Amino acid sequence: MNTIDLDNFVTTKAASELMGVHQRYVRTLAEKGRLPFVRFGSDILIDKRAACSFVRDPLGRGKPAKKAKKAKAKKAKSKPAKRKGSK
């Protein structure tokens, strides 16, 4: 049976304070697999190192702006051209 060192984990409240985000956002990140966690009964414990590195990497919160712009440009190119005489 695997054992987990609980000293490396913090509550969602402590993680939210470390990360500077709302506690619900921490739970959402964990549920989506963006933050490593363990369940302890009904509580979620977040890996402390992952929470700290999330703060240092601002791109960890979503897509970088450059990729989002490329996606919009690609989407605009794929639209069919309007026919003459149509509205």
N, C-alpha and C. Protein backbone atom coordinates (compact mmCIF):
# COMPACT_ATOMS: atom_id res chain seq x y z
N MET A 1 0.83 -1.17 0.00
CA MET A 1 0.00 0.00 0.00
C MET A 1 0.88 1.24 0.00
N ASN A 2 0.54 2.21 -0.83
CA ASN A 2 1.32 3.45 -0.91
C ASN A 2 0.99 4.37 0.25
N THR A 3 2.01 5.04 0.75
CA THR A 3 1.78 6.03 1.80
C THR A 3 2.08 7.40 1.24
N ILE A 4 1.37 8.39 1.74
CA ILE A 4 1.53 9.76 1.27
C ILE A 4 1.99 10.61 2.44
N ASP A 5 3.03 11.40 2.21
CA ASP A 5 3.52 12.32 3.23
C ASP A 5 2.63 13.56 3.21
N LEU A 6 1.75 13.69 4.19
CA LEU A 6 0.80 14.79 4.22
C LEU A 6 1.45 16.14 4.50
N ASP A 7 2.73 16.14 4.88
CA ASP A 7 3.44 17.41 5.09
C ASP A 7 3.61 18.18 3.78
N ASN A 8 3.55 17.48 2.66
CA ASN A 8 3.70 18.11 1.35
C ASN A 8 2.38 18.62 0.79
N PHE A 9 1.29 18.50 1.54
CA PHE A 9 -0.02 18.90 1.06
C PHE A 9 -0.63 19.96 1.98
N VAL A 10 -1.45 20.82 1.38
CA VAL A 10 -2.13 21.88 2.14
C VAL A 10 -3.62 21.84 1.79
N THR A 11 -4.43 22.46 2.64
CA THR A 11 -5.86 22.53 2.37
C THR A 11 -6.12 23.48 1.20
N THR A 12 -7.31 23.42 0.66
CA THR A 12 -7.65 24.32 -0.45
C THR A 12 -7.61 25.77 0.00
N LYS A 13 -7.95 26.02 1.26
CA LYS A 13 -7.90 27.39 1.78
C LYS A 13 -6.46 27.90 1.82
N ALA A 14 -5.54 27.08 2.34
CA ALA A 14 -4.14 27.47 2.40
C ALA A 14 -3.56 27.62 1.00
N ALA A 15 -3.93 26.72 0.09
CA ALA A 15 -3.45 26.80 -1.29
C ALA A 15 -3.95 28.07 -1.96
N SER A 16 -5.20 28.44 -1.70
CA SER A 16 -5.76 29.65 -2.31
C SER A 16 -5.03 30.89 -1.82
N GLU A 17 -4.62 30.90 -0.55
CA GLU A 17 -3.85 32.02 -0.02
C GLU A 17 -2.46 32.07 -0.63
N LEU A 18 -1.84 30.90 -0.83
CA LEU A 18 -0.52 30.85 -1.47
C LEU A 18 -0.58 31.34 -2.92
N MET A 19 -1.65 30.96 -3.61
CA MET A 19 -1.78 31.25 -5.03
C MET A 19 -2.40 32.62 -5.30
N GLY A 20 -3.07 33.17 -4.30
CA GLY A 20 -3.72 34.46 -4.49
C GLY A 20 -5.00 34.38 -5.31
N VAL A 21 -5.69 33.26 -5.19
CA VAL A 21 -6.94 33.06 -5.92
C VAL A 21 -8.02 32.59 -4.95
N HIS A 22 -9.26 32.50 -5.41
CA HIS A 22 -10.36 32.06 -4.58
C HIS A 22 -10.26 30.56 -4.32
N GLN A 23 -10.75 30.14 -3.17
CA GLN A 23 -10.70 28.73 -2.78
C GLN A 23 -11.45 27.84 -3.77
N ARG A 24 -12.56 28.31 -4.31
CA ARG A 24 -13.33 27.51 -5.28
C ARG A 24 -12.52 27.28 -6.56
N TYR A 25 -11.70 28.29 -6.96
CA TYR A 25 -10.88 28.15 -8.15
C TYR A 25 -9.82 27.05 -7.96
N VAL A 26 -9.30 26.95 -6.75
CA VAL A 26 -8.33 25.89 -6.44
C VAL A 26 -8.99 24.53 -6.59
N ARG A 27 -10.20 24.38 -6.07
CA ARG A 27 -10.92 23.10 -6.20
C ARG A 27 -11.20 22.78 -7.67
N THR A 28 -11.56 23.79 -8.44
CA THR A 28 -11.83 23.59 -9.87
C THR A 28 -10.56 23.12 -10.59
N LEU A 29 -9.43 23.75 -10.30
CA LEU A 29 -8.17 23.34 -10.92
C LEU A 29 -7.83 21.90 -10.56
N ALA A 30 -8.06 21.53 -9.32
CA ALA A 30 -7.78 20.17 -8.89
C ALA A 30 -8.70 19.17 -9.59
N GLU A 31 -9.98 19.50 -9.66
CA GLU A 31 -10.94 18.60 -10.30
C GLU A 31 -10.67 18.44 -11.79
N LYS A 32 -10.13 19.48 -12.42
CA LYS A 32 -9.81 19.41 -13.85
C LYS A 32 -8.45 18.78 -14.11
N GLY A 33 -7.72 18.44 -13.03
CA GLY A 33 -6.42 17.80 -13.20
C GLY A 33 -5.27 18.77 -13.38
N ARG A 34 -5.48 20.05 -13.16
CA ARG A 34 -4.41 21.04 -13.33
C ARG A 34 -3.52 21.15 -12.10
N LEU A 35 -4.00 20.71 -10.93
CA LEU A 35 -3.22 20.69 -9.69
C LEU A 35 -3.29 19.30 -9.09
N PRO A 36 -2.14 18.73 -8.70
CA PRO A 36 -2.16 17.42 -8.06
C PRO A 36 -2.79 17.51 -6.67
N PHE A 37 -3.60 16.53 -6.31
CA PHE A 37 -4.29 16.55 -5.03
C PHE A 37 -4.56 15.13 -4.55
N VAL A 38 -4.93 15.02 -3.29
CA VAL A 38 -5.42 13.76 -2.72
C VAL A 38 -6.70 14.08 -1.98
N ARG A 39 -7.59 13.11 -1.96
CA ARG A 39 -8.83 13.26 -1.18
C ARG A 39 -8.59 12.68 0.20
N PHE A 40 -9.03 13.41 1.19
CA PHE A 40 -8.94 12.96 2.58
C PHE A 40 -10.34 13.10 3.14
N GLY A 41 -11.14 12.04 2.99
CA GLY A 41 -12.56 12.12 3.31
C GLY A 41 -13.24 12.98 2.26
N SER A 42 -13.93 14.02 2.69
CA SER A 42 -14.57 14.93 1.73
C SER A 42 -13.67 16.12 1.40
N ASP A 43 -12.52 16.21 2.06
CA ASP A 43 -11.60 17.32 1.82
C ASP A 43 -10.65 17.00 0.68
N ILE A 44 -10.18 18.06 0.04
CA ILE A 44 -9.17 17.94 -1.00
C ILE A 44 -7.90 18.60 -0.48
N LEU A 45 -6.80 17.87 -0.53
CA LEU A 45 -5.50 18.42 -0.13
C LEU A 45 -4.65 18.61 -1.38
N ILE A 46 -4.13 19.80 -1.53
CA ILE A 46 -3.37 20.18 -2.73
C ILE A 46 -1.88 20.04 -2.47
N ASP A 47 -1.16 19.56 -3.48
CA ASP A 47 0.30 19.48 -3.38
C ASP A 47 0.86 20.89 -3.22
N LYS A 48 1.59 21.11 -2.13
CA LYS A 48 2.09 22.45 -1.79
C LYS A 48 3.05 22.99 -2.84
N ARG A 49 3.94 22.14 -3.35
CA ARG A 49 4.91 22.60 -4.36
C ARG A 49 4.20 23.01 -5.65
N ALA A 50 3.16 22.28 -6.03
CA ALA A 50 2.41 22.63 -7.24
C ALA A 50 1.70 23.97 -7.06
N ALA A 51 1.14 24.20 -5.86
CA ALA A 51 0.46 25.47 -5.59
C ALA A 51 1.45 26.63 -5.66
N CYS A 52 2.64 26.43 -5.11
CA CYS A 52 3.67 27.49 -5.13
C CYS A 52 4.17 27.75 -6.55
N SER A 53 4.36 26.71 -7.34
CA SER A 53 4.84 26.90 -8.71
C SER A 53 3.76 27.51 -9.59
N PHE A 54 2.50 27.28 -9.26
CA PHE A 54 1.41 27.89 -10.02
C PHE A 54 1.47 29.40 -9.90
N VAL A 55 1.85 29.90 -8.74
CA VAL A 55 1.97 31.35 -8.52
C VAL A 55 3.11 31.91 -9.37
N ARG A 56 4.20 31.18 -9.47
CA ARG A 56 5.36 31.67 -10.21
C ARG A 56 5.14 31.62 -11.72
N ASP A 57 4.22 30.80 -12.18
CA ASP A 57 3.97 30.66 -13.61
C ASP A 57 2.59 31.23 -13.94
N PRO A 58 2.52 32.51 -14.31
CA PRO A 58 1.21 33.11 -14.58
C PRO A 58 0.49 32.48 -15.76
N LEU A 59 1.21 31.81 -16.64
CA LEU A 59 0.56 31.16 -17.78
C LEU A 59 -0.15 29.88 -17.35
N GLY A 60 0.05 29.44 -16.13
CA GLY A 60 -0.61 28.25 -15.63
C GLY A 60 -2.10 28.45 -15.44
N ARG A 61 -2.55 29.71 -15.49
CA ARG A 61 -3.97 29.99 -15.26
C ARG A 61 -4.80 29.87 -16.51
N GLY A 62 -4.20 29.80 -17.66
CA GLY A 62 -4.98 29.70 -18.89
C GLY A 62 -4.08 29.72 -20.10
N LYS A 63 -4.66 29.94 -21.24
CA LYS A 63 -3.89 29.97 -22.47
C LYS A 63 -3.11 31.28 -22.56
N PRO A 64 -1.89 31.22 -23.06
CA PRO A 64 -1.16 32.46 -23.31
C PRO A 64 -1.89 33.30 -24.36
N ALA A 65 -1.78 34.60 -24.27
CA ALA A 65 -2.50 35.50 -25.17
C ALA A 65 -2.14 35.24 -26.63
N LYS A 66 -0.89 34.92 -26.94
CA LYS A 66 -0.47 34.71 -28.32
C LYS A 66 -1.21 33.54 -28.96
N LYS A 67 -1.40 32.47 -28.24
CA LYS A 67 -2.11 31.32 -28.79
C LYS A 67 -3.58 31.64 -29.03
N ALA A 68 -4.16 32.42 -28.16
CA ALA A 68 -5.56 32.80 -28.33
C ALA A 68 -5.75 33.63 -29.59
N LYS A 69 -4.81 34.52 -29.88
CA LYS A 69 -4.90 35.34 -31.08
C LYS A 69 -4.77 34.48 -32.34
N LYS A 70 -3.87 33.51 -32.31
CA LYS A 70 -3.71 32.62 -33.45
C LYS A 70 -4.98 31.84 -33.72
N ALA A 71 -5.63 31.40 -32.67
CA ALA A 71 -6.87 30.63 -32.84
C ALA A 71 -7.95 31.49 -33.49
N LYS A 72 -8.04 32.76 -33.09
CA LYS A 72 -9.03 33.65 -33.69
C LYS A 72 -8.72 33.88 -35.17
N ALA A 73 -7.45 34.08 -35.49
CA ALA A 73 -7.05 34.32 -36.88
C ALA A 73 -7.37 33.09 -37.72
N LYS A 74 -7.11 31.92 -37.18
CA LYS A 74 -7.38 30.68 -37.90
C LYS A 74 -8.88 30.51 -38.13
N LYS A 75 -9.68 30.85 -37.12
CA LYS A 75 -11.12 30.73 -37.22
C LYS A 75 -11.67 31.68 -38.28
N ALA A 76 -11.13 32.88 -38.35
CA ALA A 76 -11.59 33.88 -39.32
C ALA A 76 -11.31 33.41 -40.76
N LYS A 77 -10.19 32.75 -40.96
CA LYS A 77 -9.84 32.28 -42.30
C LYS A 77 -10.75 31.16 -42.77
N SER A 78 -11.29 30.39 -41.84
CA SER A 78 -12.09 29.23 -42.23
C SER A 78 -13.54 29.58 -42.57
N LYS A 79 -13.94 30.84 -42.39
CA LYS A 79 -15.31 31.22 -42.73
C LYS A 79 -15.47 31.26 -44.24
N PRO A 80 -16.62 30.77 -44.76
CA PRO A 80 -16.81 30.80 -46.22
C PRO A 80 -17.04 32.24 -46.70
N ALA A 81 -16.60 32.50 -47.90
CA ALA A 81 -16.76 33.84 -48.46
C ALA A 81 -18.23 34.09 -48.81
N LYS A 82 -18.67 35.34 -48.68
CA LYS A 82 -20.05 35.68 -49.01
C LYS A 82 -20.21 35.71 -50.53
N ARG A 83 -21.36 35.26 -50.97
CA ARG A 83 -21.65 35.28 -52.40
C ARG A 83 -22.16 36.65 -52.79
N LYS A 84 -21.95 37.00 -54.03
CA LYS A 84 -22.47 38.29 -54.52
C LYS A 84 -23.98 38.26 -54.52
N GLY A 85 -24.57 39.35 -54.06
CA GLY A 85 -26.01 39.46 -54.06
C GLY A 85 -26.67 38.88 -52.82
N SER A 86 -25.92 38.20 -51.94
CA SER A 86 -26.53 37.68 -50.70
C SER A 86 -26.28 38.66 -49.57
N LYS A 87 -27.16 38.62 -48.59
CA LYS A 87 -27.03 39.55 -47.46
C LYS A 87 -26.36 38.93 -46.30
